[in-house]
Amino acid sequence: MAEVEKATAGRVQAIAHSNPPHVPPQYIQPPHARPFCSPLSSSAAAAAGIPAIDLSGLDPTRRYRDRDQVRAEIGRACRGWGAFHVTNHGVPGSLLGRARAVGSSFFGDLSMGEKLAYACDPSSSATEGYGSRMLESDDSVLDWRDYFDHHTLPLSRRDPSRWPSSPPDYREVMAEYSDRMGSLAKQLLGLISESLGLPTSCIEHAVGEFYQNITISYYPPCPQPDLTLGLQAHSDMGAITLLIQDDVGGLQVLKDGEWITVEPLSDAIVVLLADQTEIMTNGIYRSAEHRAITNARRARLSIATFHDPSKARKIFPISELVSNSSPPQYREVVYGDYLSSWYTKGPEGKRNIDALLL
């Protein structure tokens, strides 16, 4: 019983359920990192938000120049933002809704004891299951969120028996969601390659077999949202991340020194370039630094699908993008070493990839 009480005490949802008047000190961000430490942006970028790209132009029954247009739009978004929405992406809106529904049911309908049956190993980072903290450091500021992480690809890693059995369609939905997101990620990497004048399969081949994780994040209402973050500022470690959020909103992307809120767009998927793509494109395209803010009124849910290389994969700038006039900007890295560094040091914006600059 004591172990259950200790495990429960570390869950943000349990803290929020107790209606504390103040945020516990381990969740308070340093002043410079707090979400409202500067006035809200009134720039044109903030007003417009991240680009939204309609992928219906990829329909083979349409004119080829439509693919050219999509490719050009993706290139501009990757250069200017490292983040964009895609619409008409081929993933059924009903599946996106079902994925959000089963995630909401796990956090909202199951008892704490039922959720703890799927708890992550607290002594190791990035383990599958139900958790609240991802970094190895005991003295790091904590994020105001709980999560469930699924290991989904390659199929040899996928073990649905480790996922919730309630609601009854949870495992079926997440397996289908994994497959659909994996296919879309490959399609997008192909378009990103083409936008650089590379063969369609170039970046996908450089990444190798996808190691895909799906993380459902739950952000409870927070009594002091001005002091906390649901997720600290960081860029993702792998190649490409596909994210959906509910109608609450809270995702922000850093653009020209300003935090821009990514407003929820019905049935759209947020694409975030990650650090290995920045390395492979020799810095032509930048990974997206982003964070999640909290609010005092409503819980928020998002689902991020990460597509990474294997830990043994060596990542380096693609040779076609390196020349005498454009020398390599990053040194080669073994992805597993990069991963270990990220979890040991913590995110802190983009400092991990910046450490690879030549």
Protein backbone atom coordinates (compact mmCIF):
# COMPACT_ATOMS: atom_id res chain seq x y z
CA MET A 1 0.00 0.00 0.00
CA ALA A 2 2.83 2.40 0.84
CA GLU A 3 4.40 1.82 -2.60
CA VAL A 4 1.09 2.57 -4.32
CA GLU A 5 0.68 5.76 -2.31
CA LYS A 6 4.22 6.83 -3.20
CA ALA A 7 3.66 6.11 -6.90
CA THR A 8 0.34 7.96 -6.84
CA ALA A 9 1.90 11.00 -5.17
CA GLY A 10 4.26 11.41 -8.12
CA ARG A 11 1.49 11.62 -10.71
CA VAL A 12 0.55 15.10 -11.83
CA GLN A 13 -3.08 14.08 -12.26
CA ALA A 14 -3.23 13.06 -8.59
CA ILE A 15 -1.67 16.37 -7.54
CA ALA A 16 -4.17 18.32 -9.62
CA HIS A 17 -7.07 16.23 -8.28
CA SER A 18 -6.19 17.34 -4.73
CA ASN A 19 -6.87 20.96 -5.80
CA PRO A 20 -3.69 22.51 -4.40
CA PRO A 21 -3.68 26.33 -4.15
CA HIS A 22 -0.07 26.41 -5.31
CA VAL A 23 2.16 24.40 -7.60
CA PRO A 24 4.63 22.15 -5.75
CA PRO A 25 8.12 23.68 -5.94
CA GLN A 26 9.60 20.92 -8.11
CA TYR A 27 7.31 22.03 -10.96
CA ILE A 28 8.18 25.73 -10.85
CA GLN A 29 10.23 26.86 -13.83
CA PRO A 30 13.11 29.34 -13.43
CA PRO A 31 11.98 32.88 -14.26
CA HIS A 32 13.51 32.98 -17.75
CA ALA A 33 11.69 29.78 -18.80
CA ARG A 34 8.22 30.68 -17.56
CA PRO A 35 5.59 30.88 -20.30
CA PHE A 36 4.45 34.42 -19.74
CA CYS A 37 7.76 36.10 -18.86
CA SER A 38 7.50 38.26 -22.00
CA PRO A 39 4.53 40.01 -23.66
CA LEU A 40 2.47 38.04 -26.13
CA SER A 41 3.78 38.36 -29.66
CA SER A 42 1.90 40.59 -32.06
CA SER A 43 4.10 39.72 -35.05
CA ALA A 44 2.82 38.62 -38.43
CA ALA A 45 4.15 35.11 -37.72
CA ALA A 46 2.08 34.92 -34.55
CA ALA A 47 -1.03 36.11 -36.37
CA ALA A 48 -0.61 33.63 -39.21
CA GLY A 49 0.56 30.62 -37.15
CA ILE A 50 2.52 27.71 -38.56
CA PRO A 51 1.99 26.93 -42.26
CA ALA A 52 -0.82 24.56 -43.24
CA ILE A 53 -0.11 22.38 -46.27
CA ASP A 54 -2.85 20.58 -48.19
CA LEU A 55 -1.59 17.18 -49.32
CA SER A 56 -4.51 16.56 -51.65
CA GLY A 57 -2.16 17.77 -54.40
CA LEU A 58 -0.44 14.38 -54.11
CA ASP A 59 -3.50 12.61 -55.47
CA PRO A 60 -2.17 10.70 -58.55
CA THR A 61 -5.29 11.59 -60.52
CA ARG A 62 -4.36 15.27 -60.32
CA ARG A 63 -1.83 17.17 -62.43
CA TYR A 64 1.83 16.61 -61.67
CA ARG A 65 2.44 20.31 -61.03
CA ASP A 66 0.31 19.97 -57.92
CA ARG A 67 3.03 17.73 -56.43
CA ASP A 68 5.53 20.43 -57.33
CA GLN A 69 3.45 22.94 -55.40
CA VAL A 70 3.21 20.72 -52.32
CA ARG A 71 6.94 20.06 -52.43
CA ALA A 72 7.70 23.78 -52.66
CA GLU A 73 5.40 24.58 -49.74
CA ILE A 74 7.06 21.91 -47.62
CA GLY A 75 10.49 23.29 -48.47
CA ARG A 76 9.48 26.80 -47.39
CA ALA A 77 7.95 25.49 -44.14
CA CYS A 78 11.03 23.41 -43.33
CA ARG A 79 13.37 26.36 -43.92
CA GLY A 80 11.30 28.94 -42.11
CA TRP A 81 9.69 26.98 -39.30
CA GLY A 82 10.66 23.32 -38.99
CA ALA A 83 6.98 22.82 -38.23
CA PHE A 84 3.74 22.81 -40.22
CA HIS A 85 0.23 21.39 -40.32
CA VAL A 86 -0.78 18.88 -42.99
CA THR A 87 -4.38 18.45 -44.09
CA ASN A 88 -5.96 15.91 -46.46
CA HIS A 89 -3.14 13.61 -45.38
CA GLY A 90 -4.96 10.33 -45.90
CA VAL A 91 -5.30 9.36 -42.23
CA PRO A 92 -9.05 9.12 -41.52
CA GLY A 93 -10.37 11.78 -39.19
CA SER A 94 -12.34 9.04 -37.46
CA LEU A 95 -9.08 7.29 -36.52
CA LEU A 96 -7.63 10.51 -35.12
CA GLY A 97 -10.80 10.90 -33.05
CA ARG A 98 -10.67 7.31 -31.81
CA ALA A 99 -7.03 7.69 -30.79
CA ARG A 100 -7.86 10.80 -28.78
CA ALA A 101 -10.88 9.04 -27.28
CA VAL A 102 -9.00 5.97 -26.02
CA GLY A 103 -6.24 8.18 -24.63
CA SER A 104 -8.76 10.37 -22.83
CA SER A 105 -10.51 7.29 -21.47
CA PHE A 106 -7.28 5.87 -20.03
CA PHE A 107 -6.51 9.05 -18.12
CA GLY A 108 -10.09 10.04 -17.33
CA ASP A 109 -11.94 6.79 -16.66
CA LEU A 110 -9.42 4.39 -15.11
CA SER A 111 -8.65 4.51 -11.41
CA MET A 112 -5.12 5.41 -10.32
CA GLY A 113 -4.56 1.80 -9.32
CA GLU A 114 -5.57 0.60 -12.78
CA LYS A 115 -3.25 3.10 -14.43
CA LEU A 116 -0.35 2.17 -12.15
CA ALA A 117 -0.60 -1.43 -13.37
CA TYR A 118 1.06 -0.11 -16.54
CA ALA A 119 3.68 2.05 -14.81
CA CYS A 120 7.06 2.66 -16.44
CA ASP A 121 10.23 1.43 -14.81
CA PRO A 122 11.16 4.51 -12.71
CA SER A 123 14.86 3.60 -12.70
CA SER A 124 15.28 3.86 -16.47
CA SER A 125 14.58 6.55 -19.07
CA ALA A 126 12.32 6.13 -22.09
CA THR A 127 10.67 2.92 -20.91
CA GLU A 128 7.26 1.87 -22.19
CA GLY A 129 4.15 2.52 -20.12
CA TYR A 130 2.55 5.06 -17.80
CA GLY A 131 4.86 7.72 -16.41
CA SER A 132 5.36 11.30 -15.34
CA ARG A 133 9.07 12.05 -15.74
CA MET A 134 11.42 11.16 -18.56
CA LEU A 135 14.83 12.53 -17.54
CA GLU A 136 17.40 10.70 -15.44
CA SER A 137 18.34 13.73 -13.32
CA ASP A 138 16.67 13.94 -9.90
CA ASP A 139 17.18 17.69 -9.62
CA SER A 140 15.53 18.76 -12.88
CA VAL A 141 12.38 20.86 -12.92
CA LEU A 142 9.43 18.57 -13.61
CA ASP A 143 6.88 18.91 -16.40
CA TRP A 144 3.20 19.33 -15.50
CA ARG A 145 2.06 16.21 -17.36
CA ASP A 146 1.57 12.46 -17.20
CA TYR A 147 2.02 10.25 -20.25
CA PHE A 148 1.72 6.77 -21.72
CA ASP A 149 4.50 5.72 -24.06
CA HIS A 150 4.03 2.89 -26.57
CA HIS A 151 6.82 1.10 -28.45
CA THR A 152 5.22 0.48 -31.82
CA LEU A 153 7.77 0.00 -34.63
CA PRO A 154 9.50 -2.08 -35.81
CA LEU A 155 6.90 -4.76 -35.18
CA SER A 156 9.41 -6.77 -33.13
CA ARG A 157 9.09 -4.03 -30.45
CA ARG A 158 5.30 -3.92 -30.54
CA ASP A 159 3.68 -5.82 -27.66
CA PRO A 160 0.06 -4.69 -27.23
CA SER A 161 -0.23 -6.76 -24.04
CA ARG A 162 1.79 -3.98 -22.40
CA TRP A 163 -0.85 -1.43 -23.38
CA PRO A 164 -4.15 -0.77 -21.59
CA SER A 165 -6.95 -3.27 -22.12
CA SER A 166 -9.56 -0.64 -21.29
CA PRO A 167 -11.32 0.77 -23.19
CA PRO A 168 -11.70 -2.51 -25.11
CA ASP A 169 -10.57 -1.08 -28.47
CA TYR A 170 -7.48 0.69 -27.08
CA ARG A 171 -4.92 -1.78 -28.44
CA GLU A 172 -6.58 -2.13 -31.83
CA VAL A 173 -6.80 1.64 -32.26
CA MET A 174 -3.19 2.29 -31.30
CA ALA A 175 -1.88 -0.45 -33.60
CA GLU A 176 -3.80 0.98 -36.57
CA TYR A 177 -2.74 4.50 -35.61
CA SER A 178 0.90 3.38 -35.54
CA ASP A 179 0.73 1.88 -39.01
CA ARG A 180 -0.97 4.93 -40.52
CA MET A 181 1.48 7.36 -38.95
CA GLY A 182 4.46 5.31 -40.08
CA SER A 183 3.23 5.42 -43.67
CA LEU A 184 2.60 9.16 -43.52
CA ALA A 185 6.05 9.79 -42.00
CA LYS A 186 7.69 7.96 -44.92
CA GLN A 187 5.64 9.98 -47.41
CA LEU A 188 6.64 13.24 -45.74
CA LEU A 189 10.33 12.35 -45.61
CA GLY A 190 10.07 11.63 -49.33
CA LEU A 191 8.64 15.08 -49.99
CA ILE A 192 11.27 16.68 -47.78
CA SER A 193 13.98 14.89 -49.77
CA GLU A 194 12.45 16.03 -53.07
CA SER A 195 12.20 19.62 -51.80
CA LEU A 196 16.01 19.57 -51.50
CA GLY A 197 16.48 18.16 -54.99
CA LEU A 198 17.33 14.72 -53.59
CA PRO A 199 15.89 11.34 -54.63
CA THR A 200 12.57 10.63 -52.90
CA SER A 201 13.99 7.84 -50.73
CA CYS A 202 17.22 9.64 -49.75
CA ILE A 203 16.39 10.78 -46.20
CA GLU A 204 14.36 7.64 -45.45
CA HIS A 205 17.38 5.50 -46.41
CA ALA A 206 19.66 7.68 -44.28
CA VAL A 207 17.38 7.17 -41.28
CA GLY A 208 17.05 3.43 -41.85
CA GLU A 209 14.30 1.34 -40.31
CA PHE A 210 11.91 3.47 -38.25
CA TYR A 211 11.94 3.09 -34.50
CA GLN A 212 8.54 4.53 -33.69
CA ASN A 213 7.20 5.49 -30.27
CA ILE A 214 3.75 6.95 -29.62
CA THR A 215 3.36 9.11 -26.52
CA ILE A 216 -0.05 10.18 -25.27
CA SER A 217 0.46 13.20 -23.01
CA TYR A 218 -2.12 14.32 -20.46
CA TYR A 219 -1.82 17.84 -19.01
CA PRO A 220 -4.15 18.35 -16.01
CA PRO A 221 -5.44 21.80 -15.08
CA CYS A 222 -2.73 23.72 -13.25
CA PRO A 223 -3.35 26.18 -10.38
CA GLN A 224 -0.46 28.43 -11.47
CA PRO A 225 0.05 28.10 -15.23
CA ASP A 226 2.27 31.19 -15.23
CA LEU A 227 4.92 29.27 -13.25
CA THR A 228 4.91 25.91 -15.01
CA LEU A 229 5.29 24.19 -18.35
CA GLY A 230 3.51 21.07 -19.49
CA LEU A 231 6.61 20.23 -21.50
CA GLN A 232 9.86 22.18 -21.36
CA ALA A 233 11.35 23.80 -24.44
CA HIS A 234 13.17 21.27 -26.61
CA SER A 235 13.62 19.94 -30.11
CA ASP A 236 12.85 16.26 -30.69
CA MET A 237 15.74 13.84 -30.93
CA GLY A 238 14.84 11.70 -33.94
CA ALA A 239 13.93 12.34 -37.58
CA ILE A 240 10.29 13.46 -37.73
CA THR A 241 7.41 13.76 -35.26
CA LEU A 242 3.71 13.73 -36.12
CA LEU A 243 1.41 15.20 -33.48
CA ILE A 244 -2.30 15.66 -32.93
CA GLN A 245 -3.87 17.69 -30.16
CA ASP A 246 -7.35 18.17 -28.81
CA ASP A 247 -9.32 21.42 -28.95
CA VAL A 248 -7.74 22.86 -25.80
CA GLY A 249 -4.42 23.83 -27.34
CA GLY A 250 -1.12 24.58 -25.64
CA LEU A 251 1.60 23.63 -28.13
CA GLN A 252 3.99 26.47 -28.95
CA VAL A 253 6.81 26.66 -31.51
CA LEU A 254 9.77 29.04 -31.30
CA LYS A 255 10.02 31.31 -34.35
CA ASP A 256 12.55 34.15 -34.58
CA GLY A 257 12.83 34.33 -30.80
CA GLU A 258 9.06 34.39 -30.22
CA TRP A 259 6.82 31.62 -28.95
CA ILE A 260 3.99 31.06 -31.42
CA THR A 261 0.89 29.13 -30.32
CA VAL A 262 -0.08 26.29 -32.64
CA GLU A 263 -3.85 26.62 -32.73
CA PRO A 264 -5.69 23.28 -33.01
CA LEU A 265 -6.86 22.64 -36.56
CA SER A 266 -9.58 20.04 -37.02
CA ASP A 267 -8.28 16.73 -38.44
CA ALA A 268 -4.87 18.27 -39.18
CA ILE A 269 -1.59 16.70 -38.12
CA VAL A 270 1.32 18.81 -36.84
CA VAL A 271 4.67 17.90 -38.41
CA LEU A 272 7.79 18.69 -36.36
CA LEU A 273 11.23 18.26 -37.89
CA ALA A 274 13.62 16.66 -35.40
CA ASP A 275 17.35 16.92 -34.78
CA GLN A 276 18.57 14.08 -37.00
CA THR A 277 16.84 15.65 -40.00
CA GLU A 278 18.61 18.92 -39.26
CA ILE A 279 21.92 17.03 -39.26
CA MET A 280 21.12 15.08 -42.45
CA THR A 281 20.09 18.25 -44.30
CA ASN A 282 23.31 19.95 -43.09
CA GLY A 283 21.32 22.66 -41.34
CA ILE A 284 19.38 23.72 -44.43
CA TYR A 285 16.28 22.63 -42.55
CA ARG A 286 16.09 23.24 -38.80
CA SER A 287 14.46 21.10 -36.17
CA ALA A 288 11.55 22.79 -34.41
CA GLU A 289 12.06 23.98 -30.86
CA HIS A 290 8.73 23.68 -29.08
CA ARG A 291 7.07 23.46 -25.68
CA ALA A 292 3.66 22.94 -24.08
CA ILE A 293 2.01 25.46 -21.77
CA THR A 294 -0.67 24.70 -19.18
CA ASN A 295 -3.95 26.31 -18.21
CA ALA A 296 -6.04 26.51 -15.05
CA ARG A 297 -9.38 25.42 -16.49
CA ARG A 298 -9.23 22.34 -18.72
CA ALA A 299 -7.16 19.21 -19.05
CA ARG A 300 -5.39 18.85 -22.39
CA LEU A 301 -4.39 15.77 -24.40
CA SER A 302 -1.93 15.37 -27.26
CA ILE A 303 -0.53 12.36 -29.10
CA ALA A 304 3.02 12.55 -30.50
CA THR A 305 4.38 9.88 -32.83
CA PHE A 306 8.17 9.87 -32.98
CA HIS A 307 10.10 8.32 -35.87
CA ASP A 308 13.74 7.72 -35.01
CA PRO A 309 16.76 5.85 -36.38
CA SER A 310 18.00 2.73 -34.61
CA LYS A 311 20.44 3.35 -31.75
CA ALA A 312 23.28 1.88 -33.84
CA ARG A 313 22.64 4.16 -36.82
CA LYS A 314 25.30 6.70 -37.75
CA ILE A 315 23.84 10.06 -38.72
CA PHE A 316 25.74 12.68 -40.72
CA PRO A 317 25.09 15.33 -43.39
CA ILE A 318 23.94 13.80 -46.69
CA SER A 319 26.81 13.91 -49.17
CA GLU A 320 24.77 15.61 -51.92
CA LEU A 321 24.25 18.57 -49.57
CA VAL A 322 27.97 19.01 -48.78
CA SER A 323 30.44 20.81 -51.05
CA ASN A 324 33.42 23.15 -50.89
CA SER A 325 31.02 26.06 -50.68
CA SER A 326 28.73 24.25 -48.22
CA PRO A 327 31.02 22.28 -45.87
CA PRO A 328 29.54 19.92 -43.27
CA GLN A 329 28.00 21.81 -40.36
CA TYR A 330 27.66 18.84 -37.99
CA ARG A 331 29.92 15.99 -37.00
CA GLU A 332 28.81 12.39 -37.35
CA VAL A 333 26.96 10.92 -34.38
CA VAL A 334 25.76 7.46 -33.42
CA TYR A 335 22.09 7.93 -32.63
CA GLY A 336 22.22 5.89 -29.43
CA ASP A 337 24.93 8.19 -28.07
CA TYR A 338 22.83 11.22 -28.96
CA LEU A 339 19.85 9.67 -27.19
CA SER A 340 21.84 8.99 -24.03
CA SER A 341 23.15 12.54 -23.95
CA TRP A 342 19.64 13.97 -24.36
CA TYR A 343 18.22 11.97 -21.46
CA THR A 344 21.21 12.63 -19.21
CA LYS A 345 21.61 16.37 -19.81
CA GLY A 346 17.97 17.21 -20.41
CA PRO A 347 16.55 19.22 -23.30
CA GLU A 348 17.17 22.95 -22.63
CA GLY A 349 16.13 24.09 -26.06
CA LYS A 350 18.50 22.89 -28.77
CA ARG A 351 21.72 22.57 -26.81
CA ASN A 352 22.13 18.88 -27.64
CA ILE A 353 22.27 19.35 -31.39
CA ASP A 354 24.25 22.57 -31.05
CA ALA A 355 26.96 20.49 -29.33
CA LEU A 356 27.51 18.72 -32.69
CA LEU A 357 28.21 21.88 -34.65
CA LEU A 358 31.60 22.01 -36.32
